[in-house]
N, C-alpha and C. Protein backbone atom coordinates (compact mmCIF):
# COMPACT_ATOMS: atom_id res chain seq x y z
N UNK A 1 0.79 -1.31 -0.15
CA UNK A 1 -0.08 0.14 -0.17
C UNK A 1 0.62 1.23 -0.22
N UNK A 2 0.65 2.18 -1.08
CA UNK A 2 1.81 3.04 -1.36
C UNK A 2 0.56 4.28 -0.63
N UNK A 3 1.33 5.28 0.00
CA UNK A 3 0.16 6.76 0.07
C UNK A 3 -0.18 6.69 -0.84
N UNK A 4 -1.26 7.59 -0.83
CA UNK A 4 -1.97 7.80 -2.19
C UNK A 4 -3.05 9.33 -1.79
N UNK A 5 -2.48 9.94 -0.48
CA UNK A 5 -3.02 10.84 -0.23
C UNK A 5 -1.75 12.03 0.80
N UNK A 6 -2.76 12.97 0.08
CA UNK A 6 -1.79 14.45 0.99
C UNK A 6 -2.19 14.29 2.32
N UNK A 7 -0.94 15.34 2.88
CA UNK A 7 -1.56 15.66 4.52
C UNK A 7 -3.17 16.21 4.69
N UNK A 8 -3.05 17.27 3.67
CA UNK A 8 -4.63 18.21 3.68
C UNK A 8 -5.50 17.25 3.48
N UNK A 9 -5.53 16.19 2.59
CA UNK A 9 -6.69 15.51 2.87
C UNK A 9 -6.82 14.12 3.62
N UNK A 10 -5.65 14.02 4.61
CA UNK A 10 -5.57 13.28 5.21
C UNK A 10 -6.11 14.33 6.35
N UNK A 11 -5.66 15.23 6.65
CA UNK A 11 -6.28 16.19 8.25
C UNK A 11 -7.59 16.36 7.51
N UNK A 12 -7.99 16.52 6.80
CA UNK A 12 -10.19 16.35 6.09
C UNK A 12 -10.55 15.27 6.84
N UNK A 13 -9.88 14.14 6.20
CA UNK A 13 -10.64 12.62 6.43
C UNK A 13 -10.65 12.53 8.32
N UNK A 14 -9.61 12.68 8.53
CA UNK A 14 -9.72 12.86 10.48
C UNK A 14 -10.85 13.23 10.55
N UNK A 15 -10.84 14.75 10.64
CA UNK A 15 -11.44 15.75 11.03
C UNK A 15 -13.02 15.18 10.79
N UNK A 16 -13.76 14.76 9.51
CA UNK A 16 -14.52 14.59 9.18
C UNK A 16 -14.76 13.00 9.99
N UNK A 17 -13.79 12.26 9.86
CA UNK A 17 -14.58 11.09 10.88
C UNK A 17 -15.01 10.73 11.72
N UNK A 18 -13.96 11.91 13.05
CA UNK A 18 -14.69 11.97 13.86
C UNK A 18 -15.77 12.78 14.06
N UNK A 19 -16.15 13.87 12.84
CA UNK A 19 -17.39 14.32 13.33
C UNK A 19 -18.79 13.22 12.85
N UNK A 20 -17.77 12.30 11.92
CA UNK A 20 -19.22 11.60 12.03
C UNK A 20 -19.43 10.64 13.03
N UNK A 21 -18.34 10.02 13.76
CA UNK A 21 -18.48 9.13 14.96
C UNK A 21 -19.11 9.53 16.01
N UNK A 22 -18.98 11.06 16.27
CA UNK A 22 -19.32 12.21 17.12
C UNK A 22 -21.17 12.18 17.24
N UNK A 23 -21.71 11.68 15.82
CA UNK A 23 -22.94 11.27 16.16
C UNK A 23 -23.49 10.43 16.51
N UNK A 24 -22.41 9.07 17.12
CA UNK A 24 -22.73 7.76 18.22
C UNK A 24 -23.57 8.24 19.12
N UNK A 25 -22.64 9.70 20.06
CA UNK A 25 -22.30 9.82 21.64
C UNK A 25 -22.70 11.16 21.63
N UNK A 26 -22.67 12.77 20.61
CA UNK A 26 -23.77 13.64 20.60
C UNK A 26 -24.64 13.52 19.48
N UNK A 27 -25.66 14.82 20.09
CA UNK A 27 -26.60 14.72 19.08
C UNK A 27 -27.73 13.64 18.73
N UNK A 28 -27.95 12.98 17.54
CA UNK A 28 -29.13 12.37 17.68
C UNK A 28 -28.63 11.06 17.82
N UNK A 29 -27.52 10.90 18.49
CA UNK A 29 -26.85 8.72 18.72
C UNK A 29 -27.77 7.98 17.70
N UNK A 30 -27.29 8.60 16.38
CA UNK A 30 -27.50 7.24 15.36
C UNK A 30 -25.99 6.76 15.33
N UNK A 31 -26.79 4.96 14.89
CA UNK A 31 -25.42 4.59 14.12
C UNK A 31 -24.80 4.79 13.13
N UNK A 32 -25.18 5.54 12.07
CA UNK A 32 -25.10 5.79 10.91
C UNK A 32 -23.69 6.92 11.19
N UNK A 33 -23.85 7.15 12.50
CA UNK A 33 -22.03 7.71 12.58
C UNK A 33 -21.18 6.44 12.68
N UNK A 34 -21.12 5.58 12.51
CA UNK A 34 -20.29 4.42 12.54
C UNK A 34 -19.43 4.65 11.24
N UNK A 35 -20.21 5.37 10.23
CA UNK A 35 -19.53 5.24 8.90
C UNK A 35 -18.71 6.24 9.14
N UNK A 36 -18.48 7.23 9.91
CA UNK A 36 -17.17 8.00 9.89
C UNK A 36 -16.07 6.99 10.32
N UNK A 37 -15.89 6.25 10.31
CA UNK A 37 -14.37 4.87 10.92
C UNK A 37 -13.61 4.93 8.98
N UNK A 38 -14.56 4.30 8.47
CA UNK A 38 -13.67 4.78 7.07
C UNK A 38 -13.00 6.01 6.77
N UNK A 39 -13.65 7.24 6.66
CA UNK A 39 -12.53 7.87 6.78
C UNK A 39 -11.52 8.59 7.40
N UNK A 40 -12.06 7.99 8.83
CA UNK A 40 -10.94 7.74 9.93
C UNK A 40 -9.67 7.22 9.99
N UNK A 41 -10.05 5.87 9.24
CA UNK A 41 -8.90 4.61 9.17
C UNK A 41 -8.21 4.91 7.92
N UNK A 42 -9.04 5.80 6.82
CA UNK A 42 -8.19 5.82 5.85
C UNK A 42 -7.35 7.40 6.28
N UNK A 43 -7.23 8.40 6.94
CA UNK A 43 -7.14 9.27 6.82
C UNK A 43 -5.57 8.88 8.06
N UNK A 44 -5.73 8.22 8.96
CA UNK A 44 -4.85 7.76 9.50
C UNK A 44 -3.85 6.80 8.47
N UNK A 45 -4.02 6.10 7.88
CA UNK A 45 -3.42 5.49 7.14
C UNK A 45 -2.47 6.03 6.06
N UNK A 46 -3.36 7.07 5.72
CA UNK A 46 -3.27 7.66 4.68
C UNK A 46 -2.99 6.75 3.24
N UNK A 47 -3.73 6.03 2.68
CA UNK A 47 -4.35 5.37 1.56
C UNK A 47 -5.59 5.08 1.31
N UNK A 48 -6.20 4.99 0.49
CA UNK A 48 -8.03 5.61 0.24
C UNK A 48 -7.57 4.33 -0.92
N UNK A 49 -8.39 3.31 -0.83
CA UNK A 49 -8.80 2.34 -1.94
C UNK A 49 -9.30 2.78 -3.11
N UNK A 50 -10.28 3.94 -2.94
CA UNK A 50 -10.92 4.15 -3.88
C UNK A 50 -9.93 4.93 -5.30
N UNK A 51 -9.12 5.73 -4.37
CA UNK A 51 -8.21 6.57 -5.07
C UNK A 51 -7.56 5.48 -6.21
N UNK A 52 -6.95 4.23 -5.49
CA UNK A 52 -6.31 3.13 -6.47
C UNK A 52 -7.05 2.47 -7.49
N UNK A 53 -8.78 2.46 -7.50
CA UNK A 53 -9.44 1.62 -7.98
C UNK A 53 -9.51 2.98 -8.95
N UNK A 54 -9.76 4.44 -8.69
CA UNK A 54 -10.14 5.30 -9.81
C UNK A 54 -8.80 6.05 -10.60
N UNK A 55 -7.58 5.06 -9.93
CA UNK A 55 -5.75 5.35 -10.70
C UNK A 55 -5.57 6.95 -10.35
N UNK A 56 -6.60 7.30 -9.17
CA UNK A 56 -6.22 9.18 -8.47
C UNK A 56 -5.56 9.10 -7.86
N UNK A 57 -4.50 10.72 -7.08
CA UNK A 57 -3.51 10.88 -5.90
C UNK A 57 -3.81 11.46 -5.38
N UNK A 58 -3.71 12.04 -3.94
CA UNK A 58 -3.66 13.63 -4.23
C UNK A 58 -2.42 13.62 -3.09
N UNK A 59 -1.18 13.20 -3.37
CA UNK A 59 0.00 13.00 -2.75
C UNK A 59 1.03 13.35 -3.31
N UNK A 60 1.61 14.42 -3.66
CA UNK A 60 2.43 14.81 -4.96
C UNK A 60 3.59 13.94 -4.72
N UNK A 61 3.80 13.43 -3.62
CA UNK A 61 5.07 12.13 -4.21
C UNK A 61 4.97 10.98 -4.66
N UNK A 62 3.69 10.33 -4.44
CA UNK A 62 3.10 9.40 -5.34
C UNK A 62 2.19 9.28 -6.68
N UNK A 63 2.46 10.48 -7.53
CA UNK A 63 2.58 11.07 -8.83
C UNK A 63 3.30 9.91 -9.32
């Protein structure tokens, strides 16, 4: 797995993932907040499988 996310992309994913996960604790208390695990994990790892499928990359080194 090569990194295919730039640092700004990773930061956005982690923040979005944490915001979605907060829906399980604060707010409407919905289980849909667990969807936030996907952007959180891809942001922490630095690899997005969908970017690989579509041949995309936001990482300037990986291009």
